[in-house]
Amino acid sequence: MFAKTRTMLASAALLTVAALPANATAFSAWEVANVPWGDTLFVRKYPSSKSQKQSAYPNTTLLAMTGRCTKGLNLFDIELLPTWKKTQAVRYRWCEVWHDPARDGNYVTGWVYGRYIAPK
């Protein structure tokens, strides 16, 4: 049952990404991970813990990453690395996501802290 639900969520995320505007050409799928039990990961307007909160997501939520992270890292440049190396590469960086905080079809970019995301 759990595997079927995750498959359905992954399919929904891919359909959502496919429905994004033409100027949003490529995305990398990562998920929220390592957030303490009962807590959520905040998506912020800018790459700073003091920036405005746009939304919050629990562990296992799929994220559409734009590929851009702070300190010049591009997720597409590390795509072929082992999972543990990708996780380490983003650990102390902020990475940009494409999401719909109001769930009304108006997608915006936001930033998540790399310690709380993992490659899917």
PDB file of N, CA and C in Angstrom:
ATOM      1  N   MET A   1       0.825  -1.190   0.000  1.00  0.00           N
ATOM      2  CA  MET A   1       0.000   0.000   0.000  1.00  0.00           C
ATOM      3  C   MET A   1       0.871   1.256   0.000  1.00  0.00           C
ATOM      4  N   PHE A   2       1.887   1.271   0.889  1.00  0.00           N
ATOM      5  CA  PHE A   2       2.779   2.433   0.988  1.00  0.00           C
ATOM      6  C   PHE A   2       3.513   2.665  -0.332  1.00  0.00           C
ATOM      7  N   ALA A   3       4.007   1.581  -0.950  1.00  0.00           N
ATOM      8  CA  ALA A   3       4.727   1.709  -2.220  1.00  0.00           C
ATOM      9  C   ALA A   3       3.806   2.246  -3.303  1.00  0.00           C
ATOM     10  N   LYS A   4       2.576   1.804  -3.319  1.00  0.00           N
ATOM     11  CA  LYS A   4       1.609   2.278  -4.314  1.00  0.00           C
ATOM     12  C   LYS A   4       1.329   3.766  -4.121  1.00  0.00           C
ATOM     13  N   THR A   5       1.192   4.195  -2.867  1.00  0.00           N
ATOM     14  CA  THR A   5       0.953   5.608  -2.573  1.00  0.00           C
ATOM     15  C   THR A   5       2.136   6.457  -3.022  1.00  0.00           C
ATOM     16  N   ARG A   6       3.370   6.001  -2.728  1.00  0.00           N
ATOM     17  CA  ARG A   6       4.568   6.753  -3.142  1.00  0.00           C
ATOM     18  C   ARG A   6       4.644   6.834  -4.666  1.00  0.00           C
ATOM     19  N   THR A   7       4.281   5.737  -5.356  1.00  0.00           N
ATOM     20  CA  THR A   7       4.293   5.736  -6.816  1.00  0.00           C
ATOM     21  C   THR A   7       3.280   6.734  -7.350  1.00  0.00           C
ATOM     22  N   MET A   8       2.108   6.777  -6.726  1.00  0.00           N
ATOM     23  CA  MET A   8       1.078   7.722  -7.157  1.00  0.00           C
ATOM     24  C   MET A   8       1.534   9.158  -6.911  1.00  0.00           C
ATOM     25  N   LEU A   9       2.189   9.417  -5.768  1.00  0.00           N
ATOM     26  CA  LEU A   9       2.699  10.758  -5.481  1.00  0.00           C
ATOM     27  C   LEU A   9       3.786  11.151  -6.472  1.00  0.00           C
ATOM     28  N   ALA A  10       4.670  10.219  -6.781  1.00  0.00           N
ATOM     29  CA  ALA A  10       5.734  10.510  -7.747  1.00  0.00           C
ATOM     30  C   ALA A  10       5.135  10.827  -9.113  1.00  0.00           C
ATOM     31  N   SER A  11       4.120  10.066  -9.517  1.00  0.00           N
ATOM     32  CA  SER A  11       3.449  10.327 -10.799  1.00  0.00           C
ATOM     33  C   SER A  11       2.787  11.694 -10.793  1.00  0.00           C
ATOM     34  N   ALA A  12       2.143  12.034  -9.689  1.00  0.00           N
ATOM     35  CA  ALA A  12       1.487  13.342  -9.580  1.00  0.00           C
ATOM     36  C   ALA A  12       2.512  14.459  -9.652  1.00  0.00           C
ATOM     37  N   ALA A  13       3.656  14.275  -9.009  1.00  0.00           N
ATOM     38  CA  ALA A  13       4.708  15.294  -9.048  1.00  0.00           C
ATOM     39  C   ALA A  13       5.232  15.471 -10.463  1.00  0.00           C
ATOM     40  N   LEU A  14       5.413  14.365 -11.186  1.00  0.00           N
ATOM     41  CA  LEU A  14       5.895  14.461 -12.559  1.00  0.00           C
ATOM     42  C   LEU A  14       4.867  15.144 -13.451  1.00  0.00           C
ATOM     43  N   LEU A  15       3.590  14.851 -13.238  1.00  0.00           N
ATOM     44  CA  LEU A  15       2.549  15.522 -14.010  1.00  0.00           C
ATOM     45  C   LEU A  15       2.522  17.006 -13.693  1.00  0.00           C
ATOM     46  N   THR A  16       2.723  17.354 -12.439  1.00  0.00           N
ATOM     47  CA  THR A  16       2.762  18.755 -12.042  1.00  0.00           C
ATOM     48  C   THR A  16       3.915  19.459 -12.724  1.00  0.00           C
ATOM     49  N   VAL A  17       5.084  18.841 -12.719  1.00  0.00           N
ATOM     50  CA  VAL A  17       6.252  19.430 -13.372  1.00  0.00           C
ATOM     51  C   VAL A  17       6.003  19.572 -14.865  1.00  0.00           C
ATOM     52  N   ALA A  18       5.342  18.574 -15.474  1.00  0.00           N
ATOM     53  CA  ALA A  18       5.054  18.637 -16.904  1.00  0.00           C
ATOM     54  C   ALA A  18       4.101  19.785 -17.231  1.00  0.00           C
ATOM     55  N   ALA A  19       3.287  20.205 -16.271  1.00  0.00           N
ATOM     56  CA  ALA A  19       2.309  21.262 -16.505  1.00  0.00           C
ATOM     57  C   ALA A  19       2.859  22.657 -16.213  1.00  0.00           C
ATOM     58  N   LEU A  20       4.125  22.751 -15.870  1.00  0.00           N
ATOM     59  CA  LEU A  20       4.715  24.042 -15.542  1.00  0.00           C
ATOM     60  C   LEU A  20       4.929  24.878 -16.800  1.00  0.00           C
ATOM     61  N   PRO A  21       5.103  26.185 -16.639  1.00  0.00           N
ATOM     62  CA  PRO A  21       5.284  27.062 -17.780  1.00  0.00           C
ATOM     63  C   PRO A  21       6.491  26.677 -18.635  1.00  0.00           C
ATOM     64  N   ALA A  22       6.460  27.092 -19.894  1.00  0.00           N
ATOM     65  CA  ALA A  22       7.518  26.750 -20.841  1.00  0.00           C
ATOM     66  C   ALA A  22       8.881  27.298 -20.428  1.00  0.00           C
ATOM     67  N   ASN A  23       8.924  28.404 -19.702  1.00  0.00           N
ATOM     68  CA  ASN A  23      10.217  28.961 -19.305  1.00  0.00           C
ATOM     69  C   ASN A  23      10.853  28.167 -18.177  1.00  0.00           C
ATOM     70  N   ALA A  24      10.113  27.245 -17.564  1.00  0.00           N
ATOM     71  CA  ALA A  24      10.668  26.358 -16.549  1.00  0.00           C
ATOM     72  C   ALA A  24      10.995  25.043 -17.239  1.00  0.00           C
ATOM     73  N   THR A  25      12.200  24.947 -17.774  1.00  0.00           N
ATOM     74  CA  THR A  25      12.515  23.866 -18.694  1.00  0.00           C
ATOM     75  C   THR A  25      12.973  22.568 -18.067  1.00  0.00           C
ATOM     76  N   ALA A  26      13.695  22.605 -16.955  1.00  0.00           N
ATOM     77  CA  ALA A  26      14.233  21.364 -16.401  1.00  0.00           C
ATOM     78  C   ALA A  26      14.167  21.389 -14.889  1.00  0.00           C
ATOM     79  N   PHE A  27      13.853  20.240 -14.317  1.00  0.00           N
ATOM     80  CA  PHE A  27      13.765  20.137 -12.875  1.00  0.00           C
ATOM     81  C   PHE A  27      14.398  18.840 -12.420  1.00  0.00           C
ATOM     82  N   SER A  28      14.865  18.851 -11.225  1.00  0.00           N
ATOM     83  CA  SER A  28      15.454  17.669 -10.603  1.00  0.00           C
ATOM     84  C   SER A  28      14.574  17.312  -9.414  1.00  0.00           C
ATOM     85  N   ALA A  29      14.198  16.048  -9.286  1.00  0.00           N
ATOM     86  CA  ALA A  29      13.319  15.624  -8.189  1.00  0.00           C
ATOM     87  C   ALA A  29      14.133  15.253  -6.956  1.00  0.00           C
ATOM     88  N   TRP A  30      13.875  15.935  -5.866  1.00  0.00           N
ATOM     89  CA  TRP A  30      14.442  15.633  -4.557  1.00  0.00           C
ATOM     90  C   TRP A  30      13.271  15.532  -3.609  1.00  0.00           C
ATOM     91  N   GLU A  31      13.531  15.127  -2.382  1.00  0.00           N
ATOM     92  CA  GLU A  31      12.454  15.045  -1.402  1.00  0.00           C
ATOM     93  C   GLU A  31      12.899  15.610  -0.072  1.00  0.00           C
ATOM     94  N   VAL A  32      11.905  16.015   0.727  1.00  0.00           N
ATOM     95  CA  VAL A  32      12.172  16.500   2.075  1.00  0.00           C
ATOM     96  C   VAL A  32      12.622  15.293   2.908  1.00  0.00           C
ATOM     97  N   ALA A  33      13.711  15.464   3.655  1.00  0.00           N
ATOM     98  CA  ALA A  33      14.260  14.367   4.461  1.00  0.00           C
ATOM     99  C   ALA A  33      14.948  14.932   5.700  1.00  0.00           C
ATOM    100  N   ASN A  34      15.093  14.106   6.697  1.00  0.00           N
ATOM    101  CA  ASN A  34      15.840  14.450   7.914  1.00  0.00           C
ATOM    102  C   ASN A  34      15.207  15.537   8.778  1.00  0.00           C
ATOM    103  N   VAL A  35      13.949  15.865   8.525  1.00  0.00           N
ATOM    104  CA  VAL A  35      13.259  16.835   9.369  1.00  0.00           C
ATOM    105  C   VAL A  35      12.810  16.082  10.627  1.00  0.00           C
ATOM    106  N   PRO A  36      13.031  16.655  11.806  1.00  0.00           N
ATOM    107  CA  PRO A  36      12.613  15.954  13.034  1.00  0.00           C
ATOM    108  C   PRO A  36      11.128  15.587  13.002  1.00  0.00           C
ATOM    109  N   TRP A  37      10.814  14.465  13.661  1.00  0.00           N
ATOM    110  CA  TRP A  37       9.446  13.968  13.683  1.00  0.00           C
ATOM    111  C   TRP A  37       8.487  15.065  14.143  1.00  0.00           C
ATOM    112  N   GLY A  38       7.385  15.210  13.412  1.00  0.00           N
ATOM    113  CA  GLY A  38       6.363  16.183  13.765  1.00  0.00           C
ATOM    114  C   GLY A  38       6.656  17.599  13.291  1.00  0.00           C
ATOM    115  N   ASP A  39       7.776  17.793  12.624  1.00  0.00           N
ATOM    116  CA  ASP A  39       8.162  19.123  12.152  1.00  0.00           C
ATOM    117  C   ASP A  39       8.049  19.180  10.628  1.00  0.00           C
ATOM    118  N   THR A  40       8.267  20.341  10.054  1.00  0.00           N
ATOM    119  CA  THR A  40       8.208  20.520   8.605  1.00  0.00           C
ATOM    120  C   THR A  40       9.390  21.352   8.131  1.00  0.00           C
ATOM    121  N   LEU A  41       9.663  21.259   6.852  1.00  0.00           N
ATOM    122  CA  LEU A  41      10.712  22.062   6.226  1.00  0.00           C
ATOM    123  C   LEU A  41      10.071  23.314   5.642  1.00  0.00           C
ATOM    124  N   PHE A  42      10.575  24.478   6.035  1.00  0.00           N
ATOM    125  CA  PHE A  42      10.066  25.727   5.484  1.00  0.00           C
ATOM    126  C   PHE A  42      10.711  26.021   4.139  1.00  0.00           C
ATOM    127  N   VAL A  43       9.885  26.468   3.189  1.00  0.00           N
ATOM    128  CA  VAL A  43      10.387  27.026   1.939  1.00  0.00           C
ATOM    129  C   VAL A  43      10.370  28.529   2.149  1.00  0.00           C
ATOM    130  N   ARG A  44      11.495  29.155   1.879  1.00  0.00           N
ATOM    131  CA  ARG A  44      11.623  30.591   2.139  1.00  0.00           C
ATOM    132  C   ARG A  44      11.777  31.365   0.836  1.00  0.00           C
ATOM    133  N   LYS A  45      11.433  32.634   0.891  1.00  0.00           N
ATOM    134  CA  LYS A  45      11.474  33.487  -0.294  1.00  0.00           C
ATOM    135  C   LYS A  45      12.905  33.693  -0.798  1.00  0.00           C
ATOM    136  N   TYR A  46      13.849  33.818   0.112  1.00  0.00           N
ATOM    137  CA  TYR A  46      15.263  34.009  -0.224  1.00  0.00           C
ATOM    138  C   TYR A  46      16.092  32.993   0.548  1.00  0.00           C
ATOM    139  N   PRO A  47      17.322  32.726   0.143  1.00  0.00           N
ATOM    140  CA  PRO A  47      18.155  31.734   0.830  1.00  0.00           C
ATOM    141  C   PRO A  47      18.703  32.237   2.169  1.00  0.00           C
ATOM    142  N   SER A  48      17.828  32.329   3.143  1.00  0.00           N
ATOM    143  CA  SER A  48      18.201  32.790   4.480  1.00  0.00           C
ATOM    144  C   SER A  48      17.165  32.299   5.488  1.00  0.00           C
ATOM    145  N   SER A  49      17.629  31.892   6.666  1.00  0.00           N
ATOM    146  CA  SER A  49      16.698  31.434   7.697  1.00  0.00           C
ATOM    147  C   SER A  49      15.849  32.578   8.255  1.00  0.00           C
ATOM    148  N   LYS A  50      16.218  33.814   7.940  1.00  0.00           N
ATOM    149  CA  LYS A  50      15.450  34.974   8.391  1.00  0.00           C
ATOM    150  C   LYS A  50      14.461  35.468   7.329  1.00  0.00           C
ATOM    151  N   SER A  51      14.482  34.833   6.160  1.00  0.00           N
ATOM    152  CA  SER A  51      13.613  35.235   5.058  1.00  0.00           C
ATOM    153  C   SER A  51      12.171  34.790   5.295  1.00  0.00           C
ATOM    154  N   GLN A  52      11.256  35.450   4.596  1.00  0.00           N
ATOM    155  CA  GLN A  52       9.822  35.152   4.687  1.00  0.00           C
ATOM    156  C   GLN A  52       9.540  33.684   4.353  1.00  0.00           C
ATOM    157  N   LYS A  53       8.703  33.035   5.161  1.00  0.00           N
ATOM    158  CA  LYS A  53       8.290  31.656   4.916  1.00  0.00           C
ATOM    159  C   LYS A  53       7.184  31.660   3.867  1.00  0.00           C
ATOM    160  N   GLN A  54       7.326  30.796   2.854  1.00  0.00           N
ATOM    161  CA  GLN A  54       6.306  30.676   1.820  1.00  0.00           C
ATOM    162  C   GLN A  54       5.387  29.485   2.047  1.00  0.00           C
ATOM    163  N   SER A  55       5.970  28.403   2.544  1.00  0.00           N
ATOM    164  CA  SER A  55       5.218  27.173   2.735  1.00  0.00           C
ATOM    165  C   SER A  55       6.033  26.247   3.626  1.00  0.00           C
ATOM    166  N   ALA A  56       5.444  25.123   3.997  1.00  0.00           N
ATOM    167  CA  ALA A  56       6.150  24.125   4.808  1.00  0.00           C
ATOM    168  C   ALA A  56       5.728  22.735   4.352  1.00  0.00           C
ATOM    169  N   TYR A  57       6.695  21.818   4.312  1.00  0.00           N
ATOM    170  CA  TYR A  57       6.430  20.465   3.830  1.00  0.00           C
ATOM    171  C   TYR A  57       7.038  19.433   4.779  1.00  0.00           C
ATOM    172  N   PRO A  58       6.340  18.307   5.012  1.00  0.00           N
ATOM    173  CA  PRO A  58       6.865  17.247   5.878  1.00  0.00           C
ATOM    174  C   PRO A  58       7.833  16.333   5.120  1.00  0.00           C
ATOM    175  N   ASN A  59       8.498  15.462   5.860  1.00  0.00           N
ATOM    176  CA  ASN A  59       9.377  14.459   5.256  1.00  0.00           C
ATOM    177  C   ASN A  59       8.656  13.686   4.158  1.00  0.00           C
ATOM    178  N   THR A  60       9.388  13.281   3.159  1.00  0.00           N
ATOM    179  CA  THR A  60       8.978  12.498   1.971  1.00  0.00           C
ATOM    180  C   THR A  60       8.206  13.308   0.932  1.00  0.00           C
ATOM    181  N   THR A  61       7.978  14.600   1.168  1.00  0.00           N
ATOM    182  CA  THR A  61       7.325  15.427   0.156  1.00  0.00           C
ATOM    183  C   THR A  61       8.276  15.595  -1.025  1.00  0.00           C
ATOM    184  N   LEU A  62       7.782  15.340  -2.236  1.00  0.00           N
ATOM    185  CA  LEU A  62       8.606  15.518  -3.426  1.00  0.00           C
ATOM    186  C   LEU A  62       8.742  17.005  -3.746  1.00  0.00           C
ATOM    187  N   LEU A  63       9.944  17.398  -4.121  1.00  0.00           N
ATOM    188  CA  LEU A  63      10.223  18.793  -4.455  1.00  0.00           C
ATOM    189  C   LEU A  63      10.720  18.889  -5.894  1.00  0.00           C
ATOM    190  N   ALA A  64      10.272  19.898  -6.611  1.00  0.00           N
ATOM    191  CA  ALA A  64      10.774  20.181  -7.951  1.00  0.00           C
ATOM    192  C   ALA A  64      11.898  21.212  -7.804  1.00  0.00           C
ATOM    193  N   MET A  65      13.122  20.753  -7.915  1.00  0.00           N
ATOM    194  CA  MET A  65      14.287  21.617  -7.747  1.00  0.00           C
ATOM    195  C   MET A  65      14.621  22.282  -9.078  1.00  0.00           C
ATOM    196  N   THR A  66      14.942  23.566  -9.045  1.00  0.00           N
ATOM    197  CA  THR A  66      15.330  24.252 -10.283  1.00  0.00           C
ATOM    198  C   THR A  66      16.747  23.883 -10.695  1.00  0.00           C
ATOM    199  N   GLY A  67      17.513  23.359  -9.763  1.00  0.00           N
ATOM    200  CA  GLY A  67      18.903  22.994 -10.039  1.00  0.00           C
ATOM    201  C   GLY A  67      19.888  23.974  -9.442  1.00  0.00           C
ATOM    202  N   ARG A  68      19.420  25.146  -9.084  1.00  0.00           N
ATOM    203  CA  ARG A  68      20.296  26.196  -8.580  1.00  0.00           C
ATOM    204  C   ARG A  68      20.419  26.145  -7.061  1.00  0.00           C
ATOM    205  N   CYS A  69      21.662  26.168  -6.583  1.00  0.00           N
ATOM    206  CA  CYS A  69      21.939  26.218  -5.143  1.00  0.00           C
ATOM    207  C   CYS A  69      22.955  27.323  -4.903  1.00  0.00           C
ATOM    208  N   THR A  70      23.066  27.745  -3.641  1.00  0.00           N
ATOM    209  CA  THR A  70      24.026  28.787  -3.293  1.00  0.00           C
ATOM    210  C   THR A  70      25.454  28.260  -3.454  1.00  0.00           C
ATOM    211  N   LYS A  71      26.403  29.180  -3.420  1.00  0.00           N
ATOM    212  CA  LYS A  71      27.830  28.878  -3.576  1.00  0.00           C
ATOM    213  C   LYS A  71      28.141  28.248  -4.925  1.00  0.00           C
ATOM    214  N   GLY A  72      27.319  28.571  -5.940  1.00  0.00           N
ATOM    215  CA  GLY A  72      27.594  28.159  -7.321  1.00  0.00           C
ATOM    216  C   GLY A  72      27.318  26.711  -7.669  1.00  0.00           C
ATOM    217  N   LEU A  73      26.626  25.975  -6.815  1.00  0.00           N
ATOM    218  CA  LEU A  73      26.345  24.569  -7.105  1.00  0.00           C
ATOM    219  C   LEU A  73      25.128  24.442  -8.004  1.00  0.00           C
ATOM    220  N   ASN A  74      25.232  23.603  -9.017  1.00  0.00           N
ATOM    221  CA  ASN A  74      24.107  23.277  -9.887  1.00  0.00           C
ATOM    222  C   ASN A  74      23.814  21.791  -9.712  1.00  0.00           C
ATOM    223  N   LEU A  75      22.590  21.453  -9.340  1.00  0.00           N
ATOM    224  CA  LEU A  75      22.233  20.059  -9.090  1.00  0.00           C
ATOM    225  C   LEU A  75      22.416  19.176 -10.319  1.00  0.00           C
ATOM    226  N   PHE A  76      22.282  19.741 -11.486  1.00  0.00           N
ATOM    227  CA  PHE A  76      22.443  18.955 -12.701  1.00  0.00           C
ATOM    228  C   PHE A  76      23.903  18.567 -12.926  1.00  0.00           C
ATOM    229  N   ASP A  77      24.834  19.328 -12.351  1.00  0.00           N
ATOM    230  CA  ASP A  77      26.254  18.990 -12.463  1.00  0.00           C
ATOM    231  C   ASP A  77      26.631  17.800 -11.583  1.00  0.00           C
ATOM    232  N   ILE A  78      25.831  17.513 -10.571  1.00  0.00           N
ATOM    233  CA  ILE A  78      26.137  16.401  -9.672  1.00  0.00           C
ATOM    234  C   ILE A  78      25.170  15.232  -9.853  1.00  0.00           C
ATOM    235  N   GLU A  79      24.367  15.284 -10.886  1.00  0.00           N
ATOM    236  CA  GLU A  79      23.323  14.285 -11.142  1.00  0.00           C
ATOM    237  C   GLU A  79      23.838  12.841 -11.141  1.00  0.00           C
ATOM    238  N   LEU A  80      25.025  12.598 -11.668  1.00  0.00           N
ATOM    239  CA  LEU A  80      25.528  11.233 -11.801  1.00  0.00           C
ATOM    240  C   LEU A  80      26.328  10.741 -10.595  1.00  0.00           C
ATOM    241  N   LEU A  81      26.489  11.576  -9.585  1.00  0.00           N
ATOM    242  CA  LEU A  81      27.208  11.176  -8.383  1.00  0.00           C
ATOM    243  C   LEU A  81      26.367  10.216  -7.542  1.00  0.00           C
ATOM    244  N   PRO A  82      27.014   9.407  -6.700  1.00  0.00           N
ATOM    245  CA  PRO A  82      26.242   8.561  -5.781  1.00  0.00           C
ATOM    246  C   PRO A  82      25.369   9.426  -4.862  1.00  0.00           C
ATOM    247  N   THR A  83      24.294   8.858  -4.371  1.00  0.00           N
ATOM    248  CA  THR A  83      23.346   9.577  -3.531  1.00  0.00           C
ATOM    249  C   THR A  83      24.023  10.252  -2.349  1.00  0.00           C
ATOM    250  N   TRP A  84      24.925   9.555  -1.666  1.00  0.00           N
ATOM    251  CA  TRP A  84      25.556  10.131  -0.480  1.00  0.00           C
ATOM    252  C   TRP A  84      26.399  11.352  -0.830  1.00  0.00           C
ATOM    253  N   LYS A  85      27.010  11.362  -2.024  1.00  0.00           N
ATOM    254  CA  LYS A  85      27.811  12.523  -2.430  1.00  0.00           C
ATOM    255  C   LYS A  85      26.914  13.714  -2.769  1.00  0.00           C
ATOM    256  N   LYS A  86      25.778  13.450  -3.394  1.00  0.00           N
ATOM    257  CA  LYS A  86      24.828  14.526  -3.700  1.00  0.00           C
ATOM    258  C   LYS A  86      24.332  15.154  -2.396  1.00  0.00           C
ATOM    259  N   THR A  87      23.997  14.295  -1.436  1.00  0.00           N
ATOM    260  CA  THR A  87      23.509  14.765  -0.146  1.00  0.00           C
ATOM    261  C   THR A  87      24.558  15.637   0.540  1.00  0.00           C
ATOM    262  N   GLN A  88      25.802  15.222   0.504  1.00  0.00           N
ATOM    263  CA  GLN A  88      26.876  16.004   1.114  1.00  0.00           C
ATOM    264  C   GLN A  88      27.110  17.322   0.374  1.00  0.00           C
ATOM    265  N   ALA A  89      26.944  17.307  -0.945  1.00  0.00           N
ATOM    266  CA  ALA A  89      27.185  18.512  -1.749  1.00  0.00           C
ATOM    267  C   ALA A  89      26.229  19.646  -1.395  1.00  0.00           C
ATOM    268  N   VAL A  90      25.005  19.318  -0.999  1.00  0.00           N
ATOM    269  CA  VAL A  90      24.012  20.355  -0.702  1.00  0.00           C
ATOM    270  C   VAL A  90      23.856  20.630   0.787  1.00  0.00           C
ATOM    271  N   ARG A  91      24.499  19.860   1.621  1.00  0.00           N
ATOM    272  CA  ARG A  91      24.273  19.890   3.076  1.00  0.00           C
ATOM    273  C   ARG A  91      24.283  21.288   3.690  1.00  0.00           C
ATOM    274  N   TYR A  92      25.207  22.134   3.306  1.00  0.00           N
ATOM    275  CA  TYR A  92      25.316  23.479   3.900  1.00  0.00           C
ATOM    276  C   TYR A  92      25.012  24.588   2.894  1.00  0.00           C
ATOM    277  N   ARG A  93      24.109  24.304   1.966  1.00  0.00           N
ATOM    278  CA  ARG A  93      23.718  25.281   0.943  1.00  0.00           C
ATOM    279  C   ARG A  93      22.198  25.420   0.938  1.00  0.00           C
ATOM    280  N   TRP A  94      21.754  26.489   0.341  1.00  0.00           N
ATOM    281  CA  TRP A  94      20.327  26.672   0.091  1.00  0.00           C
ATOM    282  C   TRP A  94      20.098  26.306  -1.368  1.00  0.00           C
ATOM    283  N   CYS A  95      19.004  25.608  -1.647  1.00  0.00           N
ATOM    284  CA  CYS A  95      18.679  25.216  -3.017  1.00  0.00           C
ATOM    285  C   CYS A  95      17.278  25.709  -3.380  1.00  0.00           C
ATOM    286  N   GLU A  96      17.140  26.095  -4.633  1.00  0.00           N
ATOM    287  CA  GLU A  96      15.897  26.697  -5.112  1.00  0.00           C
ATOM    288  C   GLU A  96      14.890  25.631  -5.547  1.00  0.00           C
ATOM    289  N   VAL A  97      13.643  25.835  -5.151  1.00  0.00           N
ATOM    290  CA  VAL A  97      12.551  24.934  -5.540  1.00  0.00           C
ATOM    291  C   VAL A  97      11.492  25.712  -6.312  1.00  0.00           C
ATOM    292  N   TRP A  98      10.706  24.977  -7.066  1.00  0.00           N
ATOM    293  CA  TRP A  98       9.573  25.516  -7.817  1.00  0.00           C
ATOM    294  C   TRP A  98       8.344  24.882  -7.180  1.00  0.00           C
ATOM    295  N   HIS A  99       7.483  25.689  -6.558  1.00  0.00           N
ATOM    296  CA  HIS A  99       6.354  25.110  -5.830  1.00  0.00           C
ATOM    297  C   HIS A  99       5.132  26.015  -5.885  1.00  0.00           C
ATOM    298  N   ASP A 100       4.030  25.475  -5.414  1.00  0.00           N
ATOM    299  CA  ASP A 100       2.729  26.151  -5.425  1.00  0.00           C
ATOM    300  C   ASP A 100       2.239  26.282  -3.988  1.00  0.00           C
ATOM    301  N   PRO A 101       2.738  27.291  -3.249  1.00  0.00           N
ATOM    302  CA  PRO A 101       2.424  27.382  -1.820  1.00  0.00           C
ATOM    303  C   PRO A 101       0.932  27.516  -1.514  1.00  0.00           C
ATOM    304  N   ALA A 102       0.181  28.169  -2.361  1.00  0.00           N
ATOM    305  CA  ALA A 102      -1.257  28.354  -2.113  1.00  0.00           C
ATOM    306  C   ALA A 102      -2.090  27.228  -2.733  1.00  0.00           C
ATOM    307  N   ARG A 103      -1.433  26.350  -3.486  1.00  0.00           N
ATOM    308  CA  ARG A 103      -2.110  25.245  -4.186  1.00  0.00           C
ATOM    309  C   ARG A 103      -3.233  25.740  -5.082  1.00  0.00           C
ATOM    310  N   ASP A 104      -2.917  26.831  -5.798  1.00  0.00           N
ATOM    311  CA  ASP A 104      -3.911  27.421  -6.693  1.00  0.00           C
ATOM    312  C   ASP A 104      -3.406  27.526  -8.132  1.00  0.00           C
ATOM    313  N   GLY A 105      -2.304  26.840  -8.443  1.00  0.00           N
ATOM    314  CA  GLY A 105      -1.759  26.863  -9.793  1.00  0.00           C
ATOM    315  C   GLY A 105      -0.765  27.980 -10.046  1.00  0.00           C
ATOM    316  N   ASN A 106      -0.506  28.819  -9.051  1.00  0.00           N
ATOM    317  CA  ASN A 106       0.456  29.910  -9.195  1.00  0.00           C
ATOM    318  C   ASN A 106       1.794  29.490  -8.594  1.00  0.00           C
ATOM    319  N   TYR A 107       2.659  28.944  -9.440  1.00  0.00           N
ATOM    320  CA  TYR A 107       3.958  28.454  -8.993  1.00  0.00           C
ATOM    321  C   TYR A 107       4.946  29.601  -8.824  1.00  0.00           C
ATOM    322  N   VAL A 108       5.762  29.484  -7.798  1.00  0.00           N
ATOM    323  CA  VAL A 108       6.801  30.472  -7.510  1.00  0.00           C
ATOM    324  C   VAL A 108       8.075  29.724  -7.118  1.00  0.00           C
ATOM    325  N   THR A 109       9.168  30.440  -7.116  1.00  0.00           N
ATOM    326  CA  THR A 109      10.395  29.843  -6.616  1.00  0.00           C
ATOM    327  C   THR A 109      10.555  30.174  -5.143  1.00  0.00           C
ATOM    328  N   GLY A 110      11.243  29.307  -4.458  1.00  0.00           N
ATOM    329  CA  GLY A 110      11.551  29.495  -3.059  1.00  0.00           C
ATOM    330  C   GLY A 110      12.840  28.756  -2.761  1.00  0.00           C
ATOM    331  N   TRP A 111      13.275  28.800  -1.522  1.00  0.00           N
ATOM    332  CA  TRP A 111      14.566  28.196  -1.147  1.00  0.00           C
ATOM    333  C   TRP A 111      14.402  27.284   0.060  1.00  0.00           C
ATOM    334  N   VAL A 112      15.078  26.136   0.015  1.00  0.00           N
ATOM    335  CA  VAL A 112      15.099  25.195   1.131  1.00  0.00           C
ATOM    336  C   VAL A 112      16.546  24.954   1.540  1.00  0.00           C
ATOM    337  N   TYR A 113      16.749  24.643   2.825  1.00  0.00           N
ATOM    338  CA  TYR A 113      18.096  24.385   3.305  1.00  0.00           C
ATOM    339  C   TYR A 113      18.479  22.943   2.994  1.00  0.00           C
ATOM    340  N   GLY A 114      19.650  22.764   2.409  1.00  0.00           N
ATOM    341  CA  GLY A 114      20.103  21.475   1.917  1.00  0.00           C
ATOM    342  C   GLY A 114      20.203  20.359   2.931  1.00  0.00           C
ATOM    343  N   ARG A 115      20.355  20.676   4.177  1.00  0.00           N
ATOM    344  CA  ARG A 115      20.447  19.642   5.200  1.00  0.00           C
ATOM    345  C   ARG A 115      19.179  18.810   5.274  1.00  0.00           C
ATOM    346  N   TYR A 116      18.070  19.381   4.802  1.00  0.00           N
ATOM    347  CA  TYR A 116      16.777  18.725   4.933  1.00  0.00           C
ATOM    348  C   TYR A 116      16.184  18.247   3.614  1.00  0.00           C
ATOM    349  N   ILE A 117      17.029  18.015   2.621  1.00  0.00           N
ATOM    350  CA  ILE A 117      16.561  17.452   1.362  1.00  0.00           C
ATOM    351  C   ILE A 117      17.481  16.296   0.967  1.00  0.00           C
ATOM    352  N   ALA A 118      16.945  15.394   0.150  1.00  0.00           N
ATOM    353  CA  ALA A 118      17.722  14.249  -0.313  1.00  0.00           C
ATOM    354  C   ALA A 118      17.302  13.928  -1.751  1.00  0.00           C
ATOM    355  N   PRO A 119      18.241  13.412  -2.552  1.00  0.00           N
ATOM    356  CA  PRO A 119      17.887  13.048  -3.927  1.00  0.00           C
ATOM    357  C   PRO A 119      16.842  11.951  -3.947  1.00  0.00           C
ATOM    358  N   LYS A 120      15.974  12.017  -4.891  1.00  0.00           N
ATOM    359  CA  LYS A 120      14.916  11.012  -5.047  1.00  0.00           C
ATOM    360  C   LYS A 120      15.369   9.947  -5.990  1.00  0.00           C
TER     361      LYS A 120
END
